[in-house]
């Protein structure tokens, strides 16, 4: 198994040098490269994004909860109030 690890490590090293350091047109491909394949933040959103978010919220909330997630601060305040009663 260490042979596979060593080979993957070499692929990653070659990719970093050839693609990101030397900016070659032809370079070692590394599908695990975070610089190449991961988008870290959304630039904007549209109606579909909103619809999917609401669908997710509805699917993941427990019965009897409000229709949108409260802030953590509000939830903590409500939990303290319930404990004191």
C-alpha atoms as a PDB file:
ATOM      1  CA  UNK A   1       0.000   0.000   0.000  1.00  0.00           C
ATOM      2  CA  UNK A   2       2.880   2.368   0.598  1.00  0.00           C
ATOM      3  CA  UNK A   3       3.705   2.080  -3.119  1.00  0.00           C
ATOM      4  CA  UNK A   4       0.326   3.625  -3.983  1.00  0.00           C
ATOM      5  CA  UNK A   5       0.798   6.339  -1.374  1.00  0.00           C
ATOM      6  CA  UNK A   6       4.264   7.163  -2.685  1.00  0.00           C
ATOM      7  CA  UNK A   7       2.968   7.288  -6.257  1.00  0.00           C
ATOM      8  CA  UNK A   8       0.071   9.596  -5.320  1.00  0.00           C
ATOM      9  CA  UNK A   9       2.450  11.796  -3.371  1.00  0.00           C
ATOM     10  CA  UNK A  10       4.688  12.064  -6.449  1.00  0.00           C
ATOM     11  CA  UNK A  11       1.705  12.925  -8.681  1.00  0.00           C
ATOM     12  CA  UNK A  12       0.704  15.683  -6.279  1.00  0.00           C
ATOM     13  CA  UNK A  13       4.255  17.044  -6.151  1.00  0.00           C
ATOM     14  CA  UNK A  14       4.648  17.022  -9.956  1.00  0.00           C
ATOM     15  CA  UNK A  15       1.238  18.660 -10.415  1.00  0.00           C
ATOM     16  CA  UNK A  16       2.084  21.464  -7.991  1.00  0.00           C
ATOM     17  CA  UNK A  17       5.404  22.181  -9.716  1.00  0.00           C
ATOM     18  CA  UNK A  18       4.254  21.842 -13.321  1.00  0.00           C
ATOM     19  CA  UNK A  19       0.835  23.520 -13.069  1.00  0.00           C
ATOM     20  CA  UNK A  20       1.095  26.069 -10.273  1.00  0.00           C
ATOM     21  CA  UNK A  21       4.803  26.940 -10.064  1.00  0.00           C
ATOM     22  CA  UNK A  22       5.935  26.720 -13.689  1.00  0.00           C
ATOM     23  CA  UNK A  23       2.515  27.312 -15.350  1.00  0.00           C
ATOM     24  CA  UNK A  24       3.146  24.720 -18.064  1.00  0.00           C
ATOM     25  CA  UNK A  25       0.525  24.111 -20.739  1.00  0.00           C
ATOM     26  CA  UNK A  26       0.963  20.348 -20.318  1.00  0.00           C
ATOM     27  CA  UNK A  27       1.177  19.198 -16.718  1.00  0.00           C
ATOM     28  CA  UNK A  28       0.544  16.265 -14.413  1.00  0.00           C
ATOM     29  CA  UNK A  29      -3.182  16.071 -13.635  1.00  0.00           C
ATOM     30  CA  UNK A  30      -4.145  15.709  -9.966  1.00  0.00           C
ATOM     31  CA  UNK A  31      -7.908  15.410  -9.338  1.00  0.00           C
ATOM     32  CA  UNK A  32      -7.346  15.984  -5.609  1.00  0.00           C
ATOM     33  CA  UNK A  33      -5.871  19.464  -6.113  1.00  0.00           C
ATOM     34  CA  UNK A  34      -7.875  21.961  -4.082  1.00  0.00           C
ATOM     35  CA  UNK A  35      -6.613  24.895  -6.128  1.00  0.00           C
ATOM     36  CA  UNK A  36      -7.952  23.404  -9.357  1.00  0.00           C
ATOM     37  CA  UNK A  37     -11.169  21.662  -8.404  1.00  0.00           C
ATOM     38  CA  UNK A  38     -12.729  23.266  -5.309  1.00  0.00           C
ATOM     39  CA  UNK A  39     -14.802  26.441  -5.401  1.00  0.00           C
ATOM     40  CA  UNK A  40     -14.556  27.879  -1.913  1.00  0.00           C
ATOM     41  CA  UNK A  41     -17.353  30.424  -1.986  1.00  0.00           C
ATOM     42  CA  UNK A  42     -20.408  31.289  -4.001  1.00  0.00           C
ATOM     43  CA  UNK A  43     -20.314  34.526  -5.942  1.00  0.00           C
ATOM     44  CA  UNK A  44     -24.095  35.024  -5.948  1.00  0.00           C
ATOM     45  CA  UNK A  45     -27.343  33.089  -5.809  1.00  0.00           C
ATOM     46  CA  UNK A  46     -30.577  32.866  -7.753  1.00  0.00           C
ATOM     47  CA  UNK A  47     -34.151  31.631  -7.308  1.00  0.00           C
ATOM     48  CA  UNK A  48     -33.066  27.986  -7.683  1.00  0.00           C
ATOM     49  CA  UNK A  49     -30.531  28.375  -4.869  1.00  0.00           C
ATOM     50  CA  UNK A  50     -33.205  29.851  -2.627  1.00  0.00           C
ATOM     51  CA  UNK A  51     -35.699  27.109  -3.520  1.00  0.00           C
ATOM     52  CA  UNK A  52     -33.193  24.322  -2.784  1.00  0.00           C
ATOM     53  CA  UNK A  53     -32.205  25.937   0.518  1.00  0.00           C
ATOM     54  CA  UNK A  54     -35.838  26.125   1.609  1.00  0.00           C
ATOM     55  CA  UNK A  55     -36.365  22.512   0.510  1.00  0.00           C
ATOM     56  CA  UNK A  56     -33.352  21.479   2.600  1.00  0.00           C
ATOM     57  CA  UNK A  57     -34.592  23.404   5.646  1.00  0.00           C
ATOM     58  CA  UNK A  58     -38.040  21.814   5.406  1.00  0.00           C
ATOM     59  CA  UNK A  59     -36.601  18.314   5.012  1.00  0.00           C
ATOM     60  CA  UNK A  60     -34.198  18.635   7.931  1.00  0.00           C
ATOM     61  CA  UNK A  61     -36.328  20.404  10.521  1.00  0.00           C
ATOM     62  CA  UNK A  62     -38.100  18.428  13.211  1.00  0.00           C
ATOM     63  CA  UNK A  63     -41.886  18.395  13.559  1.00  0.00           C
ATOM     64  CA  UNK A  64     -43.222  21.382  15.444  1.00  0.00           C
ATOM     65  CA  UNK A  65     -40.223  23.623  14.775  1.00  0.00           C
ATOM     66  CA  UNK A  66     -40.582  26.999  13.172  1.00  0.00           C
ATOM     67  CA  UNK A  67     -40.356  27.213   9.391  1.00  0.00           C
ATOM     68  CA  UNK A  68     -36.920  28.851   9.334  1.00  0.00           C
ATOM     69  CA  UNK A  69     -33.840  28.313  11.482  1.00  0.00           C
ATOM     70  CA  UNK A  70     -33.441  30.782  14.362  1.00  0.00           C
ATOM     71  CA  UNK A  71     -30.136  32.304  15.233  1.00  0.00           C
ATOM     72  CA  UNK A  72     -28.073  30.393  17.778  1.00  0.00           C
ATOM     73  CA  UNK A  73     -28.336  33.317  20.192  1.00  0.00           C
ATOM     74  CA  UNK A  74     -32.159  33.247  20.019  1.00  0.00           C
ATOM     75  CA  UNK A  75     -32.260  29.445  20.468  1.00  0.00           C
ATOM     76  CA  UNK A  76     -29.990  29.643  23.526  1.00  0.00           C
ATOM     77  CA  UNK A  77     -32.158  32.353  25.072  1.00  0.00           C
ATOM     78  CA  UNK A  78     -35.317  30.273  24.491  1.00  0.00           C
ATOM     79  CA  UNK A  79     -33.685  27.143  25.949  1.00  0.00           C
ATOM     80  CA  UNK A  80     -32.669  29.028  29.097  1.00  0.00           C
ATOM     81  CA  UNK A  81     -36.194  30.397  29.456  1.00  0.00           C
ATOM     82  CA  UNK A  82     -37.655  26.842  29.184  1.00  0.00           C
ATOM     83  CA  UNK A  83     -35.212  25.483  31.798  1.00  0.00           C
ATOM     84  CA  UNK A  84     -36.103  28.225  34.277  1.00  0.00           C
ATOM     85  CA  UNK A  85     -39.848  27.501  34.069  1.00  0.00           C
END
